[in-house]
Amino acid sequence: MKLIIQIPCYNEEETLPETINSIPREIEGVDKVEILIINDGSTDNTTYAAKKLNADYIVEFPKNLGLAKAFDAGLKNAVKYGADIIVNLDADNQYCAEDIPKLIAPILENKADITIGARPIDKIKHFSFTKKILQKLGSFVMKKISGADITDAPSGFRAYTRNAAMRINIFDNYTYTMESIIQAQRKGLVTASVPIRVNDDDLRPSRLVKNNLNYIIRSAKTMARFFIIYHPFRFFSALATIFFILGLILGFRYIYFFTLGDGRGHIQSLILCGLLITISFQTALLAIISDLLGVNRRLVEDVQIKVQMLQNGR
C-alpha cells in the first residue's frame, strides 16, 4: 500500500521545510509514504529546497499555471508513480500533517473514495469573521449544487483512492476544490468529511484569495460555471421554462385586451410573446444538445481511465 503526498508549490522555499518535516513517514495500514512536489513555475529556490528535503518526485512547470493545474498534474503523476492513496497537502503548512492517518482512515476501511479535511472554521484565529461566514456559505452552496454532504468544501487537505484520482479531471484554472466534489458526486464516488486540525502560527497570506470581494465574485462565477457544465439540462430547461411562461403571460395579456376590442393597441405583446416562445423552444433544444454532449464527455472519460490503466499496468 503506497501513499503519495502531493504538495503543489509556488515560491515555497521558506515554508516547504516545515511542511515536509511535519509529514509522518510511518502510518498504520500503509507500507510506503512518498512525497511528490509540483513546482508551479516558482521563481525562488523551491526545487532546491525540495531536493534538499529528499522529496521522492518533483514535477516542474516552466511557468506558473495556477493551483488547479498543479493539483491536476499531481493526481496524474501520483497515479503514474503507483500511488494507491493520494493526499493533497498545501505547502504553506496550514493543515496539520499529523492528521494524515485520520484523513485516510475511511479510505483504508473502504468507507470512502475521497475524504476532505473539515477545518474548525470558528476556531481559526487568522480567519476574520467575514471570511468565516463566506467559508460556511460556500460549503452550503456547494452542498446544494453537488448533493454531497461536505462540511468544508474549500478545504485543500484531501485524500483520494487511485480509482478516484483517475476519474477526476480538472478544467477550471482558478481552483480544484469545488469542481472535484461535483465530479465525484456525478461519478458515484463516495466522499466523506473528516475533522482535522490547522496550524495558526506564522502563516503567509493566501495567494488564492486577494480579498473578500474578489473571493465572492470568483467563487460565484466558478459555481455558476460548474452548474452549467455539469447540469446543462437542468440549467437550460429551467431557462426555457422561464421564457415560455413569460411568453404565455404576454400572450394571455394580448388575448385579454383583444376580447375587450383593444387588440390592435397591444400588438407588441403578441410579437414579444411569439419571440419569447421561439427562444424558449430554441433553449429547450440547446438543453437536449448539451445533455448529449455531457453523455459524450462521460464516455470519453471512461476511455481515458482505461487508457491510464493500460499505461500504468494496473
C-alpha atoms as a PDB file:
ATOM      1  CA  MET A   1       0.000   0.000   0.000  1.00  0.00           C
ATOM      2  CA  LYS A   2       1.713   3.157  -1.251  1.00  0.00           C
ATOM      3  CA  LEU A   3       0.696   6.626  -0.100  1.00  0.00           C
ATOM      4  CA  ILE A   4       1.924   9.615  -2.106  1.00  0.00           C
ATOM      5  CA  ILE A   5       1.549  13.064  -0.585  1.00  0.00           C
ATOM      6  CA  GLN A   6       1.401  15.693  -3.308  1.00  0.00           C
ATOM      7  CA  ILE A   7       2.329  19.286  -2.477  1.00  0.00           C
ATOM      8  CA  PRO A   8       1.623  21.989  -5.096  1.00  0.00           C
ATOM      9  CA  CYS A   9       4.209  24.767  -4.696  1.00  0.00           C
ATOM     10  CA  TYR A  10       4.682  28.303  -5.935  1.00  0.00           C
ATOM     11  CA  ASN A  11       7.619  30.110  -4.331  1.00  0.00           C
ATOM     12  CA  GLU A  12       7.506  27.986  -1.169  1.00  0.00           C
ATOM     13  CA  GLU A  13      11.238  27.847  -0.418  1.00  0.00           C
ATOM     14  CA  GLU A  14      10.711  29.173   3.107  1.00  0.00           C
ATOM     15  CA  THR A  15       7.571  27.227   4.104  1.00  0.00           C
ATOM     16  CA  LEU A  16       8.332  23.892   2.432  1.00  0.00           C
ATOM     17  CA  PRO A  17      10.837  22.576   5.023  1.00  0.00           C
ATOM     18  CA  GLU A  18       8.408  22.896   7.922  1.00  0.00           C
ATOM     19  CA  THR A  19       5.605  21.347   5.868  1.00  0.00           C
ATOM     20  CA  ILE A  20       7.627  18.313   4.737  1.00  0.00           C
ATOM     21  CA  ASN A  21       9.243  17.764   8.135  1.00  0.00           C
ATOM     22  CA  SER A  22       5.807  17.564   9.758  1.00  0.00           C
ATOM     23  CA  ILE A  23       4.661  14.695   7.500  1.00  0.00           C
ATOM     24  CA  PRO A  24       4.542  11.322   9.313  1.00  0.00           C
ATOM     25  CA  ARG A  25       6.633   8.699   7.495  1.00  0.00           C
ATOM     26  CA  GLU A  26       5.119   5.697   9.238  1.00  0.00           C
ATOM     27  CA  ILE A  27       1.343   5.229   9.070  1.00  0.00           C
ATOM     28  CA  GLU A  28      -0.593   2.160  10.145  1.00  0.00           C
ATOM     29  CA  GLY A  29      -2.038   0.359   7.124  1.00  0.00           C
ATOM     30  CA  VAL A  30       0.458   1.980   4.727  1.00  0.00           C
ATOM     31  CA  ASP A  31       3.680   0.285   3.620  1.00  0.00           C
ATOM     32  CA  LYS A  32       5.348   3.245   1.948  1.00  0.00           C
ATOM     33  CA  VAL A  33       4.978   7.036   2.227  1.00  0.00           C
ATOM     34  CA  GLU A  34       6.410   9.166  -0.577  1.00  0.00           C
ATOM     35  CA  ILE A  35       6.360  12.890  -1.343  1.00  0.00           C
ATOM     36  CA  LEU A  36       5.583  14.469  -4.712  1.00  0.00           C
ATOM     37  CA  ILE A  37       6.347  18.160  -5.261  1.00  0.00           C
ATOM     38  CA  ILE A  38       4.627  20.041  -8.092  1.00  0.00           C
ATOM     39  CA  ASN A  39       6.668  23.175  -8.707  1.00  0.00           C
ATOM     40  CA  ASP A  40       4.238  25.584 -10.372  1.00  0.00           C
ATOM     41  CA  GLY A  41       6.791  27.803 -12.115  1.00  0.00           C
ATOM     42  CA  SER A  42       8.420  29.103  -8.926  1.00  0.00           C
ATOM     43  CA  THR A  43      10.971  31.893  -9.263  1.00  0.00           C
ATOM     44  CA  ASP A  44      12.741  31.127  -5.980  1.00  0.00           C
ATOM     45  CA  ASN A  45      14.667  28.013  -4.885  1.00  0.00           C
ATOM     46  CA  THR A  46      11.645  25.782  -4.266  1.00  0.00           C
ATOM     47  CA  THR A  47      13.108  22.937  -6.337  1.00  0.00           C
ATOM     48  CA  TYR A  48      16.434  23.111  -4.488  1.00  0.00           C
ATOM     49  CA  ALA A  49      14.609  23.059  -1.142  1.00  0.00           C
ATOM     50  CA  ALA A  50      12.560  20.032  -2.258  1.00  0.00           C
ATOM     51  CA  LYS A  51      15.673  18.119  -3.324  1.00  0.00           C
ATOM     52  CA  LYS A  52      17.448  19.023  -0.092  1.00  0.00           C
ATOM     53  CA  LEU A  53      14.465  17.652   1.841  1.00  0.00           C
ATOM     54  CA  ASN A  54      14.677  14.378  -0.117  1.00  0.00           C
ATOM     55  CA  ALA A  55      11.353  14.675  -1.921  1.00  0.00           C
ATOM     56  CA  ASP A  56      10.767  11.445  -3.849  1.00  0.00           C
ATOM     57  CA  TYR A  57       9.379  13.064  -7.000  1.00  0.00           C
ATOM     58  CA  ILE A  58       9.470  16.596  -8.421  1.00  0.00           C
ATOM     59  CA  VAL A  59       7.299  17.780 -11.315  1.00  0.00           C
ATOM     60  CA  GLU A  60       8.225  21.196 -12.683  1.00  0.00           C
ATOM     61  CA  PHE A  61       6.141  23.614 -14.751  1.00  0.00           C
ATOM     62  CA  PRO A  62       8.121  26.033 -16.982  1.00  0.00           C
ATOM     63  CA  LYS A  63       5.781  28.850 -15.895  1.00  0.00           C
ATOM     64  CA  ASN A  64       3.076  29.482 -13.314  1.00  0.00           C
ATOM     65  CA  LEU A  65      -0.147  27.745 -14.410  1.00  0.00           C
ATOM     66  CA  GLY A  66      -2.145  28.080 -11.207  1.00  0.00           C
ATOM     67  CA  LEU A  67      -3.171  25.887  -8.295  1.00  0.00           C
ATOM     68  CA  ALA A  68      -5.840  23.930 -10.192  1.00  0.00           C
ATOM     69  CA  LYS A  69      -3.395  22.827 -12.906  1.00  0.00           C
ATOM     70  CA  ALA A  70      -0.762  21.919 -10.305  1.00  0.00           C
ATOM     71  CA  PHE A  71      -3.287  19.824  -8.370  1.00  0.00           C
ATOM     72  CA  ASP A  72      -4.429  18.001 -11.502  1.00  0.00           C
ATOM     73  CA  ALA A  73      -0.832  17.301 -12.548  1.00  0.00           C
ATOM     74  CA  GLY A  74      -0.181  15.971  -9.051  1.00  0.00           C
ATOM     75  CA  LEU A  75      -3.026  13.447  -9.269  1.00  0.00           C
ATOM     76  CA  LYS A  76      -1.981  12.222 -12.706  1.00  0.00           C
ATOM     77  CA  ASN A  77       1.681  11.857 -11.746  1.00  0.00           C
ATOM     78  CA  ALA A  78       0.885  10.199  -8.412  1.00  0.00           C
ATOM     79  CA  VAL A  79      -1.129   7.578 -10.297  1.00  0.00           C
ATOM     80  CA  LYS A  80       1.792   7.202 -12.726  1.00  0.00           C
ATOM     81  CA  TYR A  81       4.184   6.627  -9.804  1.00  0.00           C
ATOM     82  CA  GLY A  82       2.000   3.819  -8.435  1.00  0.00           C
ATOM     83  CA  ALA A  83       0.079   5.511  -5.620  1.00  0.00           C
ATOM     84  CA  ASP A  84      -2.758   3.560  -4.011  1.00  0.00           C
ATOM     85  CA  ILE A  85      -3.785   6.609  -1.967  1.00  0.00           C
ATOM     86  CA  ILE A  86      -3.016  10.258  -2.749  1.00  0.00           C
ATOM     87  CA  VAL A  87      -3.111  13.040  -0.168  1.00  0.00           C
ATOM     88  CA  ASN A  88      -3.095  16.674  -1.244  1.00  0.00           C
ATOM     89  CA  LEU A  89      -1.337  18.974   1.228  1.00  0.00           C
ATOM     90  CA  ASP A  90      -0.802  22.738   0.939  1.00  0.00           C
ATOM     91  CA  ALA A  91       2.801  23.921   1.059  1.00  0.00           C
ATOM     92  CA  ASP A  92       2.103  26.798   3.469  1.00  0.00           C
ATOM     93  CA  ASN A  93       1.782  24.406   6.426  1.00  0.00           C
ATOM     94  CA  GLN A  94      -1.820  25.499   7.006  1.00  0.00           C
ATOM     95  CA  TYR A  95      -3.015  21.953   7.663  1.00  0.00           C
ATOM     96  CA  CYS A  96      -1.787  19.741  10.459  1.00  0.00           C
ATOM     97  CA  ALA A  97       0.058  16.943   8.633  1.00  0.00           C
ATOM     98  CA  GLU A  98      -0.089  14.771  11.752  1.00  0.00           C
ATOM     99  CA  ASP A  99      -3.772  14.256  10.870  1.00  0.00           C
ATOM    100  CA  ILE A 100      -2.961  12.404   7.628  1.00  0.00           C
ATOM    101  CA  PRO A 101      -3.611   8.988   9.298  1.00  0.00           C
ATOM    102  CA  LYS A 102      -7.026  10.268  10.395  1.00  0.00           C
ATOM    103  CA  LEU A 103      -7.726  11.653   6.911  1.00  0.00           C
ATOM    104  CA  ILE A 104      -7.016   8.387   5.089  1.00  0.00           C
ATOM    105  CA  ALA A 105      -8.674   6.101   7.671  1.00  0.00           C
ATOM    106  CA  PRO A 106     -12.088   5.957   5.866  1.00  0.00           C
ATOM    107  CA  ILE A 107     -10.256   5.046   2.643  1.00  0.00           C
ATOM    108  CA  LEU A 108      -8.274   2.266   4.305  1.00  0.00           C
ATOM    109  CA  GLU A 109     -11.535   0.980   5.775  1.00  0.00           C
ATOM    110  CA  ASN A 110     -13.162   1.059   2.288  1.00  0.00           C
ATOM    111  CA  LYS A 111     -15.790   3.512   3.523  1.00  0.00           C
ATOM    112  CA  ALA A 112     -14.912   6.354   1.128  1.00  0.00           C
ATOM    113  CA  ASP A 113     -13.232   7.085  -2.199  1.00  0.00           C
ATOM    114  CA  ILE A 114     -12.423  10.693  -1.305  1.00  0.00           C
ATOM    115  CA  THR A 115     -12.010  12.315   2.101  1.00  0.00           C
ATOM    116  CA  ILE A 116     -11.938  16.062   2.734  1.00  0.00           C
ATOM    117  CA  GLY A 117     -10.482  17.566   5.878  1.00  0.00           C
ATOM    118  CA  ALA A 118     -13.039  19.675   7.719  1.00  0.00           C
ATOM    119  CA  ARG A 119     -11.316  22.582   9.420  1.00  0.00           C
ATOM    120  CA  PRO A 120     -12.624  24.043  12.707  1.00  0.00           C
ATOM    121  CA  ILE A 121     -13.635  27.271  10.916  1.00  0.00           C
ATOM    122  CA  ASP A 122     -14.936  29.057  14.037  1.00  0.00           C
ATOM    123  CA  LYS A 123     -11.661  28.455  15.894  1.00  0.00           C
ATOM    124  CA  ILE A 124      -9.191  29.549  13.189  1.00  0.00           C
ATOM    125  CA  LYS A 125      -7.527  32.689  14.536  1.00  0.00           C
ATOM    126  CA  HIS A 126      -6.310  34.182  11.252  1.00  0.00           C
ATOM    127  CA  PHE A 127      -9.791  33.970   9.673  1.00  0.00           C
ATOM    128  CA  SER A 128     -11.806  37.174  10.015  1.00  0.00           C
ATOM    129  CA  PHE A 129     -15.482  36.998  10.943  1.00  0.00           C
ATOM    130  CA  THR A 130     -16.419  37.778   7.331  1.00  0.00           C
ATOM    131  CA  LYS A 131     -14.157  35.054   5.956  1.00  0.00           C
ATOM    132  CA  LYS A 132     -15.623  32.506   8.361  1.00  0.00           C
ATOM    133  CA  ILE A 133     -19.121  33.372   7.139  1.00  0.00           C
ATOM    134  CA  LEU A 134     -18.017  33.158   3.494  1.00  0.00           C
ATOM    135  CA  GLN A 135     -16.353  29.778   4.049  1.00  0.00           C
ATOM    136  CA  LYS A 136     -19.529  28.368   5.579  1.00  0.00           C
ATOM    137  CA  LEU A 137     -21.714  29.936   2.881  1.00  0.00           C
ATOM    138  CA  GLY A 138     -19.509  28.476   0.151  1.00  0.00           C
ATOM    139  CA  SER A 139     -19.792  24.994   1.663  1.00  0.00           C
ATOM    140  CA  PHE A 140     -23.586  25.362   1.961  1.00  0.00           C
ATOM    141  CA  VAL A 141     -23.989  26.431  -1.679  1.00  0.00           C
ATOM    142  CA  MET A 142     -21.658  23.668  -2.873  1.00  0.00           C
ATOM    143  CA  LYS A 143     -23.677  21.115  -0.902  1.00  0.00           C
ATOM    144  CA  LYS A 144     -26.828  22.279  -2.715  1.00  0.00           C
ATOM    145  CA  ILE A 145     -25.180  22.236  -6.150  1.00  0.00           C
ATOM    146  CA  SER A 146     -23.343  18.925  -5.820  1.00  0.00           C
ATOM    147  CA  GLY A 147     -25.599  16.997  -3.437  1.00  0.00           C
ATOM    148  CA  ALA A 148     -22.523  15.910  -1.454  1.00  0.00           C
ATOM    149  CA  ASP A 149     -22.665  16.216   2.331  1.00  0.00           C
ATOM    150  CA  ILE A 150     -19.323  18.012   2.709  1.00  0.00           C
ATOM    151  CA  THR A 151     -18.702  20.200   5.758  1.00  0.00           C
ATOM    152  CA  ASP A 152     -15.748  22.214   4.418  1.00  0.00           C
ATOM    153  CA  ALA A 153     -15.882  22.343   0.600  1.00  0.00           C
ATOM    154  CA  PRO A 154     -12.979  24.843   0.110  1.00  0.00           C
ATOM    155  CA  SER A 155     -10.571  22.691   2.152  1.00  0.00           C
ATOM    156  CA  GLY A 156      -7.485  21.602   0.217  1.00  0.00           C
ATOM    157  CA  PHE A 157      -6.475  18.861   2.661  1.00  0.00           C
ATOM    158  CA  ARG A 158      -7.836  15.809   0.824  1.00  0.00           C
ATOM    159  CA  ALA A 159      -7.219  12.146   0.162  1.00  0.00           C
ATOM    160  CA  TYR A 160      -8.094  10.148  -2.959  1.00  0.00           C
ATOM    161  CA  THR A 161      -8.044   6.489  -3.841  1.00  0.00           C
ATOM    162  CA  ARG A 162      -6.194   5.572  -7.006  1.00  0.00           C
ATOM    163  CA  ASN A 163      -9.505   4.901  -8.747  1.00  0.00           C
ATOM    164  CA  ALA A 164     -10.949   8.278  -7.702  1.00  0.00           C
ATOM    165  CA  ALA A 165      -7.822  10.134  -8.827  1.00  0.00           C
ATOM    166  CA  MET A 166      -8.074   8.617 -12.310  1.00  0.00           C
ATOM    167  CA  ARG A 167     -11.702   9.715 -12.594  1.00  0.00           C
ATOM    168  CA  ILE A 168     -11.131  13.350 -11.657  1.00  0.00           C
ATOM    169  CA  ASN A 169     -10.377  15.815 -14.469  1.00  0.00           C
ATOM    170  CA  ILE A 170      -9.962  19.465 -13.526  1.00  0.00           C
ATOM    171  CA  PHE A 171     -10.964  22.003 -16.187  1.00  0.00           C
ATOM    172  CA  ASP A 172     -11.085  25.173 -14.101  1.00  0.00           C
ATOM    173  CA  ASN A 173      -7.993  27.399 -13.912  1.00  0.00           C
ATOM    174  CA  TYR A 174      -8.865  29.002 -10.567  1.00  0.00           C
ATOM    175  CA  THR A 175      -9.464  26.201  -8.082  1.00  0.00           C
ATOM    176  CA  TYR A 176      -9.962  22.441  -7.937  1.00  0.00           C
ATOM    177  CA  THR A 177     -11.802  22.217  -4.614  1.00  0.00           C
ATOM    178  CA  MET A 178     -15.374  22.685  -5.820  1.00  0.00           C
ATOM    179  CA  GLU A 179     -15.099  21.070  -9.253  1.00  0.00           C
ATOM    180  CA  SER A 180     -13.644  17.838  -7.885  1.00  0.00           C
ATOM    181  CA  ILE A 181     -16.564  17.499  -5.433  1.00  0.00           C
ATOM    182  CA  ILE A 182     -19.143  17.913  -8.211  1.00  0.00           C
ATOM    183  CA  GLN A 183     -17.324  15.409 -10.429  1.00  0.00           C
ATOM    184  CA  ALA A 184     -17.029  12.887  -7.608  1.00  0.00           C
ATOM    185  CA  GLN A 185     -20.745  13.047  -6.890  1.00  0.00           C
ATOM    186  CA  ARG A 186     -21.699  12.672 -10.562  1.00  0.00           C
ATOM    187  CA  LYS A 187     -19.384   9.697 -10.987  1.00  0.00           C
ATOM    188  CA  GLY A 188     -20.727   7.812  -7.999  1.00  0.00           C
ATOM    189  CA  LEU A 189     -17.648   8.246  -5.838  1.00  0.00           C
ATOM    190  CA  VAL A 190     -18.209   8.292  -2.085  1.00  0.00           C
ATOM    191  CA  THR A 191     -16.958  11.434  -0.346  1.00  0.00           C
ATOM    192  CA  ALA A 192     -16.610  11.911   3.394  1.00  0.00           C
ATOM    193  CA  SER A 193     -15.677  14.777   5.710  1.00  0.00           C
ATOM    194  CA  VAL A 194     -13.026  14.169   8.353  1.00  0.00           C
ATOM    195  CA  PRO A 195     -12.421  16.662  11.203  1.00  0.00           C
ATOM    196  CA  ILE A 196      -8.813  17.893  11.090  1.00  0.00           C
ATOM    197  CA  ARG A 197      -6.645  20.499  12.818  1.00  0.00           C
ATOM    198  CA  VAL A 198      -4.877  23.517  11.362  1.00  0.00           C
ATOM    199  CA  ASN A 199      -1.691  25.392  12.219  1.00  0.00           C
ATOM    200  CA  ASP A 200      -2.302  29.039  13.065  1.00  0.00           C
ATOM    201  CA  ASP A 201       1.267  30.193  13.568  1.00  0.00           C
ATOM    202  CA  ASP A 202       3.270  32.244  11.041  1.00  0.00           C
ATOM    203  CA  LEU A 203       1.063  31.552   8.026  1.00  0.00           C
ATOM    204  CA  ARG A 204       1.725  33.598   4.906  1.00  0.00           C
ATOM    205  CA  PRO A 205      -1.259  35.425   3.335  1.00  0.00           C
ATOM    206  CA  SER A 206      -3.364  33.385   0.920  1.00  0.00           C
ATOM    207  CA  ARG A 207      -2.328  33.757  -2.734  1.00  0.00           C
ATOM    208  CA  LEU A 208      -5.649  32.437  -3.993  1.00  0.00           C
ATOM    209  CA  VAL A 209      -7.862  34.866  -2.053  1.00  0.00           C
ATOM    210  CA  LYS A 210      -6.806  38.509  -2.524  1.00  0.00           C
ATOM    211  CA  ASN A 211      -9.760  39.965  -0.600  1.00  0.00           C
ATOM    212  CA  ASN A 212     -13.298  39.014   0.391  1.00  0.00           C
ATOM    213  CA  LEU A 213     -14.954  40.759  -2.566  1.00  0.00           C
ATOM    214  CA  ASN A 214     -12.617  39.053  -5.032  1.00  0.00           C
ATOM    215  CA  TYR A 215     -13.302  35.718  -3.325  1.00  0.00           C
ATOM    216  CA  ILE A 216     -17.081  36.188  -3.575  1.00  0.00           C
ATOM    217  CA  ILE A 217     -17.008  37.204  -7.241  1.00  0.00           C
ATOM    218  CA  ARG A 218     -14.659  34.435  -8.364  1.00  0.00           C
ATOM    219  CA  SER A 219     -16.413  31.777  -6.288  1.00  0.00           C
ATOM    220  CA  ALA A 220     -19.832  32.797  -7.638  1.00  0.00           C
ATOM    221  CA  LYS A 221     -18.562  32.703 -11.228  1.00  0.00           C
ATOM    222  CA  THR A 222     -16.909  29.345 -10.634  1.00  0.00           C
ATOM    223  CA  MET A 223     -20.014  27.781  -9.077  1.00  0.00           C
ATOM    224  CA  ALA A 224     -22.270  29.141 -11.857  1.00  0.00           C
ATOM    225  CA  ARG A 225     -19.893  27.771 -14.489  1.00  0.00           C
ATOM    226  CA  PHE A 226     -19.724  24.356 -12.828  1.00  0.00           C
ATOM    227  CA  PHE A 227     -23.513  24.188 -12.575  1.00  0.00           C
ATOM    228  CA  ILE A 228     -23.851  24.890 -16.309  1.00  0.00           C
ATOM    229  CA  ILE A 229     -21.107  22.397 -17.227  1.00  0.00           C
ATOM    230  CA  TYR A 230     -22.272  19.526 -15.029  1.00  0.00           C
ATOM    231  CA  HIS A 231     -26.041  20.198 -15.019  1.00  0.00           C
ATOM    232  CA  PRO A 232     -26.652  21.595 -18.522  1.00  0.00           C
ATOM    233  CA  PHE A 233     -30.083  20.016 -18.973  1.00  0.00           C
ATOM    234  CA  ARG A 234     -31.392  21.422 -15.684  1.00  0.00           C
ATOM    235  CA  PHE A 235     -29.963  24.867 -16.428  1.00  0.00           C
ATOM    236  CA  PHE A 236     -31.192  25.265 -19.999  1.00  0.00           C
ATOM    237  CA  SER A 237     -34.556  23.592 -19.381  1.00  0.00           C
ATOM    238  CA  ALA A 238     -35.170  25.982 -16.465  1.00  0.00           C
ATOM    239  CA  LEU A 239     -34.226  28.895 -18.721  1.00  0.00           C
ATOM    240  CA  ALA A 240     -36.564  27.591 -21.439  1.00  0.00           C
ATOM    241  CA  THR A 241     -39.401  27.302 -18.919  1.00  0.00           C
ATOM    242  CA  ILE A 242     -38.913  30.924 -17.798  1.00  0.00           C
ATOM    243  CA  PHE A 243     -39.024  32.208 -21.391  1.00  0.00           C
ATOM    244  CA  PHE A 244     -42.100  30.075 -22.127  1.00  0.00           C
ATOM    245  CA  ILE A 245     -44.006  31.332 -19.065  1.00  0.00           C
ATOM    246  CA  LEU A 246     -43.151  34.969 -19.851  1.00  0.00           C
ATOM    247  CA  GLY A 247     -44.329  34.403 -23.423  1.00  0.00           C
ATOM    248  CA  LEU A 248     -47.595  32.883 -22.215  1.00  0.00           C
ATOM    249  CA  ILE A 249     -48.207  35.808 -19.849  1.00  0.00           C
ATOM    250  CA  LEU A 250     -47.809  38.298 -22.699  1.00  0.00           C
ATOM    251  CA  GLY A 251     -49.945  36.090 -24.952  1.00  0.00           C
ATOM    252  CA  PHE A 252     -52.790  35.979 -22.426  1.00  0.00           C
ATOM    253  CA  ARG A 253     -52.400  39.730 -21.948  1.00  0.00           C
ATOM    254  CA  TYR A 254     -52.948  40.279 -25.647  1.00  0.00           C
ATOM    255  CA  ILE A 255     -55.962  37.907 -25.698  1.00  0.00           C
ATOM    256  CA  TYR A 256     -57.470  39.780 -22.738  1.00  0.00           C
ATOM    257  CA  PHE A 257     -57.269  43.144 -24.465  1.00  0.00           C
ATOM    258  CA  PHE A 258     -58.343  41.585 -27.793  1.00  0.00           C
ATOM    259  CA  THR A 259     -61.590  40.343 -26.211  1.00  0.00           C
ATOM    260  CA  LEU A 260     -62.170  43.895 -24.985  1.00  0.00           C
ATOM    261  CA  GLY A 261     -61.798  45.142 -28.555  1.00  0.00           C
ATOM    262  CA  ASP A 262     -58.442  46.805 -27.936  1.00  0.00           C
ATOM    263  CA  GLY A 263     -56.173  44.156 -29.522  1.00  0.00           C
ATOM    264  CA  ARG A 264     -54.638  46.496 -32.103  1.00  0.00           C
ATOM    265  CA  GLY A 265     -53.189  48.705 -29.384  1.00  0.00           C
ATOM    266  CA  HIS A 266     -51.353  45.779 -27.794  1.00  0.00           C
ATOM    267  CA  ILE A 267     -49.889  44.090 -30.858  1.00  0.00           C
ATOM    268  CA  GLN A 268     -46.405  44.496 -29.271  1.00  0.00           C
ATOM    269  CA  SER A 269     -47.391  41.966 -26.615  1.00  0.00           C
ATOM    270  CA  LEU A 270     -48.270  39.440 -29.317  1.00  0.00           C
ATOM    271  CA  ILE A 271     -44.971  39.979 -31.118  1.00  0.00           C
ATOM    272  CA  LEU A 272     -42.965  39.663 -27.903  1.00  0.00           C
ATOM    273  CA  CYS A 273     -44.992  36.582 -26.960  1.00  0.00           C
ATOM    274  CA  GLY A 274     -44.026  34.878 -30.207  1.00  0.00           C
ATOM    275  CA  LEU A 275     -40.384  35.897 -29.790  1.00  0.00           C
ATOM    276  CA  LEU A 276     -40.132  34.564 -26.212  1.00  0.00           C
ATOM    277  CA  ILE A 277     -41.813  31.255 -27.051  1.00  0.00           C
ATOM    278  CA  THR A 278     -39.471  30.826 -30.027  1.00  0.00           C
ATOM    279  CA  ILE A 279     -36.469  31.481 -27.763  1.00  0.00           C
ATOM    280  CA  SER A 280     -37.954  29.008 -25.280  1.00  0.00           C
ATOM    281  CA  PHE A 281     -38.054  26.198 -27.849  1.00  0.00           C
ATOM    282  CA  GLN A 282     -34.520  27.031 -29.025  1.00  0.00           C
ATOM    283  CA  THR A 283     -33.252  26.941 -25.429  1.00  0.00           C
ATOM    284  CA  ALA A 284     -35.024  23.610 -24.858  1.00  0.00           C
ATOM    285  CA  LEU A 285     -33.249  22.248 -27.938  1.00  0.00           C
ATOM    286  CA  LEU A 286     -29.967  23.540 -26.503  1.00  0.00           C
ATOM    287  CA  ALA A 287     -30.730  21.668 -23.254  1.00  0.00           C
ATOM    288  CA  ILE A 288     -31.073  18.395 -25.182  1.00  0.00           C
ATOM    289  CA  ILE A 289     -27.876  19.002 -27.176  1.00  0.00           C
ATOM    290  CA  SER A 290     -25.936  19.922 -24.007  1.00  0.00           C
ATOM    291  CA  ASP A 291     -27.151  16.766 -22.290  1.00  0.00           C
ATOM    292  CA  LEU A 292     -25.986  14.647 -25.242  1.00  0.00           C
ATOM    293  CA  LEU A 293     -22.591  16.384 -25.134  1.00  0.00           C
ATOM    294  CA  GLY A 294     -22.402  15.578 -21.425  1.00  0.00           C
ATOM    295  CA  VAL A 295     -23.023  11.891 -22.190  1.00  0.00           C
ATOM    296  CA  ASN A 296     -20.280  12.014 -24.812  1.00  0.00           C
ATOM    297  CA  ARG A 297     -17.879  13.599 -22.316  1.00  0.00           C
ATOM    298  CA  ARG A 298     -18.539  10.816 -19.812  1.00  0.00           C
ATOM    299  CA  LEU A 299     -17.845   8.181 -22.457  1.00  0.00           C
ATOM    300  CA  VAL A 300     -14.548   9.896 -23.350  1.00  0.00           C
ATOM    301  CA  GLU A 301     -13.598   9.994 -19.660  1.00  0.00           C
ATOM    302  CA  ASP A 302     -14.291   6.239 -19.363  1.00  0.00           C
ATOM    303  CA  VAL A 303     -11.957   5.630 -22.302  1.00  0.00           C
ATOM    304  CA  GLN A 304      -9.351   7.873 -20.662  1.00  0.00           C
ATOM    305  CA  ILE A 305      -9.492   5.815 -17.449  1.00  0.00           C
ATOM    306  CA  LYS A 306      -8.999   2.564 -19.378  1.00  0.00           C
ATOM    307  CA  VAL A 307      -6.027   4.075 -21.225  1.00  0.00           C
ATOM    308  CA  GLN A 308      -4.468   5.149 -17.908  1.00  0.00           C
ATOM    309  CA  MET A 309      -4.946   1.650 -16.511  1.00  0.00           C
ATOM    310  CA  LEU A 310      -3.233   0.124 -19.549  1.00  0.00           C
ATOM    311  CA  GLN A 311      -0.387   2.633 -19.436  1.00  0.00           C
ATOM    312  CA  ASN A 312       0.245   2.083 -15.723  1.00  0.00           C
ATOM    313  CA  GLY A 313      -0.212  -1.665 -15.884  1.00  0.00           C
ATOM    314  CA  ARG A 314      -2.954  -1.676 -13.216  1.00  0.00           C
END
